[in-house]
Amino acid sequence: MALLGSQALGVLLAILVLMGVTVEGIRVSIGNFINPPIETMTVQCILDHKDRGTMEIKPAESVPFFVPMYFSGTCICAFSAPGFRTTYFDVLNTKCNCDTYSGCDWVARSDGFHCNHEFYYSWAH
């Protein structure tokens, strides 16, 4: 019975992919290069006027969340950490090239925010 359930789920996911309802991911993490080290970073994101809630991230952790593949709105996130000023920006900006398969991988470091291994934003001053 459980096998039938997992097969049905697989068929449903295949149908959703064919219908273009697949999702891409956004992952936010704290890099290993924050000096002095911080214990937690708080992230609060608003996806096209809907609050996604507040997430706390510890070093070496990441917090993934998903948005519709063809989403064309904004996802403004506020990043707060001890010793740094709260910084806001759109994590879905086109500069980062958030592609539909691998999404965006944002990493916070001492110098600022990197997406898919490239530097994009400094912490607010």
C-alpha atoms as a PDB file:
ATOM      1  CA  MET A   1       0.000   0.000   0.000  1.00  0.00           C
ATOM      2  CA  ALA A   2       2.829   2.432   0.869  1.00  0.00           C
ATOM      3  CA  LEU A   3       4.526   1.621  -2.442  1.00  0.00           C
ATOM      4  CA  LEU A   4       1.345   2.462  -4.320  1.00  0.00           C
ATOM      5  CA  GLY A   5       1.195   5.754  -2.400  1.00  0.00           C
ATOM      6  CA  SER A   6       4.766   6.701  -3.339  1.00  0.00           C
ATOM      7  CA  GLN A   7       4.126   5.765  -6.981  1.00  0.00           C
ATOM      8  CA  ALA A   8       1.013   7.941  -7.001  1.00  0.00           C
ATOM      9  CA  LEU A   9       3.019  10.796  -5.489  1.00  0.00           C
ATOM     10  CA  GLY A  10       5.670  10.391  -8.199  1.00  0.00           C
ATOM     11  CA  VAL A  11       3.019  10.521 -10.925  1.00  0.00           C
ATOM     12  CA  LEU A  12       1.495  13.629  -9.341  1.00  0.00           C
ATOM     13  CA  LEU A  13       4.889  15.355  -9.206  1.00  0.00           C
ATOM     14  CA  ALA A  14       5.544  14.445 -12.854  1.00  0.00           C
ATOM     15  CA  ILE A  15       2.204  15.984 -13.831  1.00  0.00           C
ATOM     16  CA  LEU A  16       3.017  19.155 -11.889  1.00  0.00           C
ATOM     17  CA  VAL A  17       6.394  19.401 -13.640  1.00  0.00           C
ATOM     18  CA  LEU A  18       4.729  19.068 -17.037  1.00  0.00           C
ATOM     19  CA  MET A  19       2.215  21.753 -16.069  1.00  0.00           C
ATOM     20  CA  GLY A  20       5.031  24.169 -15.179  1.00  0.00           C
ATOM     21  CA  VAL A  21       4.228  24.231 -11.454  1.00  0.00           C
ATOM     22  CA  THR A  22       7.687  23.160 -10.364  1.00  0.00           C
ATOM     23  CA  VAL A  23       9.567  25.244  -7.869  1.00  0.00           C
ATOM     24  CA  GLU A  24      13.026  26.681  -7.554  1.00  0.00           C
ATOM     25  CA  GLY A  25      14.743  27.064  -4.257  1.00  0.00           C
ATOM     26  CA  ILE A  26      16.368  29.891  -2.421  1.00  0.00           C
ATOM     27  CA  ARG A  27      18.892  28.896   0.177  1.00  0.00           C
ATOM     28  CA  VAL A  28      20.359  31.277   2.722  1.00  0.00           C
ATOM     29  CA  SER A  29      23.313  30.352   4.905  1.00  0.00           C
ATOM     30  CA  ILE A  30      26.064  31.886   7.018  1.00  0.00           C
ATOM     31  CA  GLY A  31      29.511  31.511   5.504  1.00  0.00           C
ATOM     32  CA  ASN A  32      32.544  30.308   7.415  1.00  0.00           C
ATOM     33  CA  PHE A  33      34.286  33.651   6.940  1.00  0.00           C
ATOM     34  CA  ILE A  34      32.390  35.873   9.368  1.00  0.00           C
ATOM     35  CA  ASN A  35      34.863  37.446  11.732  1.00  0.00           C
ATOM     36  CA  PRO A  36      34.209  37.755  14.572  1.00  0.00           C
ATOM     37  CA  PRO A  37      32.064  34.636  14.415  1.00  0.00           C
ATOM     38  CA  ILE A  38      28.363  35.119  15.090  1.00  0.00           C
ATOM     39  CA  GLU A  39      26.059  32.681  16.816  1.00  0.00           C
ATOM     40  CA  THR A  40      22.920  33.369  14.788  1.00  0.00           C
ATOM     41  CA  MET A  41      21.641  35.460  11.924  1.00  0.00           C
ATOM     42  CA  THR A  42      17.970  36.355  11.661  1.00  0.00           C
ATOM     43  CA  VAL A  43      16.315  36.432   8.245  1.00  0.00           C
ATOM     44  CA  GLN A  44      12.807  37.699   7.559  1.00  0.00           C
ATOM     45  CA  CYS A  45      11.523  37.604   3.988  1.00  0.00           C
ATOM     46  CA  ILE A  46       8.438  39.046   2.343  1.00  0.00           C
ATOM     47  CA  LEU A  47       7.519  37.257  -0.882  1.00  0.00           C
ATOM     48  CA  ASP A  48       5.352  39.558  -3.000  1.00  0.00           C
ATOM     49  CA  HIS A  49       3.713  41.204   0.067  1.00  0.00           C
ATOM     50  CA  LYS A  50       3.336  37.917   2.010  1.00  0.00           C
ATOM     51  CA  ASP A  51       5.505  37.552   5.115  1.00  0.00           C
ATOM     52  CA  ARG A  52       7.387  34.227   5.076  1.00  0.00           C
ATOM     53  CA  GLY A  53       8.177  34.563   8.770  1.00  0.00           C
ATOM     54  CA  THR A  54      11.422  34.930  10.660  1.00  0.00           C
ATOM     55  CA  MET A  55      14.139  32.279  10.432  1.00  0.00           C
ATOM     56  CA  GLU A  56      17.218  31.953  12.618  1.00  0.00           C
ATOM     57  CA  ILE A  57      20.337  30.527  11.032  1.00  0.00           C
ATOM     58  CA  LYS A  58      23.416  29.280  12.862  1.00  0.00           C
ATOM     59  CA  PRO A  59      26.883  28.966  11.297  1.00  0.00           C
ATOM     60  CA  ALA A  60      27.189  26.109   8.813  1.00  0.00           C
ATOM     61  CA  GLU A  61      23.376  25.871   8.588  1.00  0.00           C
ATOM     62  CA  SER A  62      21.214  26.859   5.692  1.00  0.00           C
ATOM     63  CA  VAL A  63      17.524  27.570   5.499  1.00  0.00           C
ATOM     64  CA  PRO A  64      15.871  26.677   2.196  1.00  0.00           C
ATOM     65  CA  PHE A  65      12.518  27.960   1.016  1.00  0.00           C
ATOM     66  CA  PHE A  66      10.777  27.761  -2.327  1.00  0.00           C
ATOM     67  CA  VAL A  67       9.040  30.105  -4.732  1.00  0.00           C
ATOM     68  CA  PRO A  68       7.060  29.343  -7.913  1.00  0.00           C
ATOM     69  CA  MET A  69       9.335  28.749 -10.896  1.00  0.00           C
ATOM     70  CA  TYR A  70       7.883  31.535 -13.027  1.00  0.00           C
ATOM     71  CA  PHE A  71       7.407  33.977 -10.147  1.00  0.00           C
ATOM     72  CA  SER A  72       8.083  37.528 -11.310  1.00  0.00           C
ATOM     73  CA  GLY A  73       7.600  39.499  -8.073  1.00  0.00           C
ATOM     74  CA  THR A  74      10.014  40.365  -5.313  1.00  0.00           C
ATOM     75  CA  CYS A  75      11.313  38.607  -2.249  1.00  0.00           C
ATOM     76  CA  ILE A  76      12.699  41.299   0.054  1.00  0.00           C
ATOM     77  CA  CYS A  77      14.674  39.862   2.959  1.00  0.00           C
ATOM     78  CA  ALA A  78      16.022  41.575   6.070  1.00  0.00           C
ATOM     79  CA  PHE A  79      19.266  40.101   7.419  1.00  0.00           C
ATOM     80  CA  SER A  80      20.230  40.852  11.038  1.00  0.00           C
ATOM     81  CA  ALA A  81      23.257  39.672  12.985  1.00  0.00           C
ATOM     82  CA  PRO A  82      25.073  40.907  16.099  1.00  0.00           C
ATOM     83  CA  GLY A  83      27.741  43.445  15.125  1.00  0.00           C
ATOM     84  CA  PHE A  84      26.177  44.165  11.713  1.00  0.00           C
ATOM     85  CA  ARG A  85      23.463  46.629  10.676  1.00  0.00           C
ATOM     86  CA  THR A  86      20.244  45.109   9.355  1.00  0.00           C
ATOM     87  CA  THR A  87      20.510  44.808   5.591  1.00  0.00           C
ATOM     88  CA  TYR A  88      17.585  44.540   3.142  1.00  0.00           C
ATOM     89  CA  PHE A  89      17.548  43.420  -0.487  1.00  0.00           C
ATOM     90  CA  ASP A  90      15.594  41.380  -3.033  1.00  0.00           C
ATOM     91  CA  VAL A  91      17.031  37.840  -3.019  1.00  0.00           C
ATOM     92  CA  LEU A  92      15.377  37.145  -6.375  1.00  0.00           C
ATOM     93  CA  ASN A  93      17.084  40.039  -8.160  1.00  0.00           C
ATOM     94  CA  THR A  94      18.156  39.394 -11.720  1.00  0.00           C
ATOM     95  CA  LYS A  95      21.795  40.255 -10.936  1.00  0.00           C
ATOM     96  CA  CYS A  96      22.149  36.949  -9.107  1.00  0.00           C
ATOM     97  CA  ASN A  97      20.814  34.933 -12.043  1.00  0.00           C
ATOM     98  CA  CYS A  98      18.558  32.693  -9.975  1.00  0.00           C
ATOM     99  CA  ASP A  99      18.028  29.999 -12.554  1.00  0.00           C
ATOM    100  CA  THR A 100      15.017  27.725 -12.535  1.00  0.00           C
ATOM    101  CA  TYR A 101      16.927  24.546 -11.684  1.00  0.00           C
ATOM    102  CA  SER A 102      19.454  25.364  -8.986  1.00  0.00           C
ATOM    103  CA  GLY A 103      17.848  28.542  -7.652  1.00  0.00           C
ATOM    104  CA  CYS A 104      19.846  30.976  -5.548  1.00  0.00           C
ATOM    105  CA  ASP A 105      22.396  30.171  -2.887  1.00  0.00           C
ATOM    106  CA  TRP A 106      22.909  33.281  -0.728  1.00  0.00           C
ATOM    107  CA  VAL A 107      25.768  33.199   1.787  1.00  0.00           C
ATOM    108  CA  ALA A 108      26.370  35.902   4.415  1.00  0.00           C
ATOM    109  CA  ARG A 109      30.026  36.648   5.143  1.00  0.00           C
ATOM    110  CA  SER A 110      31.919  39.412   6.924  1.00  0.00           C
ATOM    111  CA  ASP A 111      32.243  41.463   3.735  1.00  0.00           C
ATOM    112  CA  GLY A 112      28.569  41.069   2.791  1.00  0.00           C
ATOM    113  CA  PHE A 113      26.331  38.787   0.763  1.00  0.00           C
ATOM    114  CA  HIS A 114      27.358  36.403  -1.974  1.00  0.00           C
ATOM    115  CA  CYS A 115      24.983  34.656  -4.360  1.00  0.00           C
ATOM    116  CA  ASN A 116      26.074  31.570  -6.263  1.00  0.00           C
ATOM    117  CA  HIS A 117      29.701  32.338  -5.255  1.00  0.00           C
ATOM    118  CA  GLU A 118      29.693  35.985  -6.430  1.00  0.00           C
ATOM    119  CA  PHE A 119      29.714  39.086  -4.217  1.00  0.00           C
ATOM    120  CA  TYR A 120      26.612  41.308  -4.541  1.00  0.00           C
ATOM    121  CA  TYR A 121      25.896  43.381  -1.423  1.00  0.00           C
ATOM    122  CA  SER A 122      27.792  44.804   1.543  1.00  0.00           C
ATOM    123  CA  TRP A 123      26.261  44.869   4.996  1.00  0.00           C
ATOM    124  CA  ALA A 124      24.412  48.176   5.570  1.00  0.00           C
ATOM    125  CA  HIS A 125      26.518  50.994   7.034  1.00  0.00           C
END
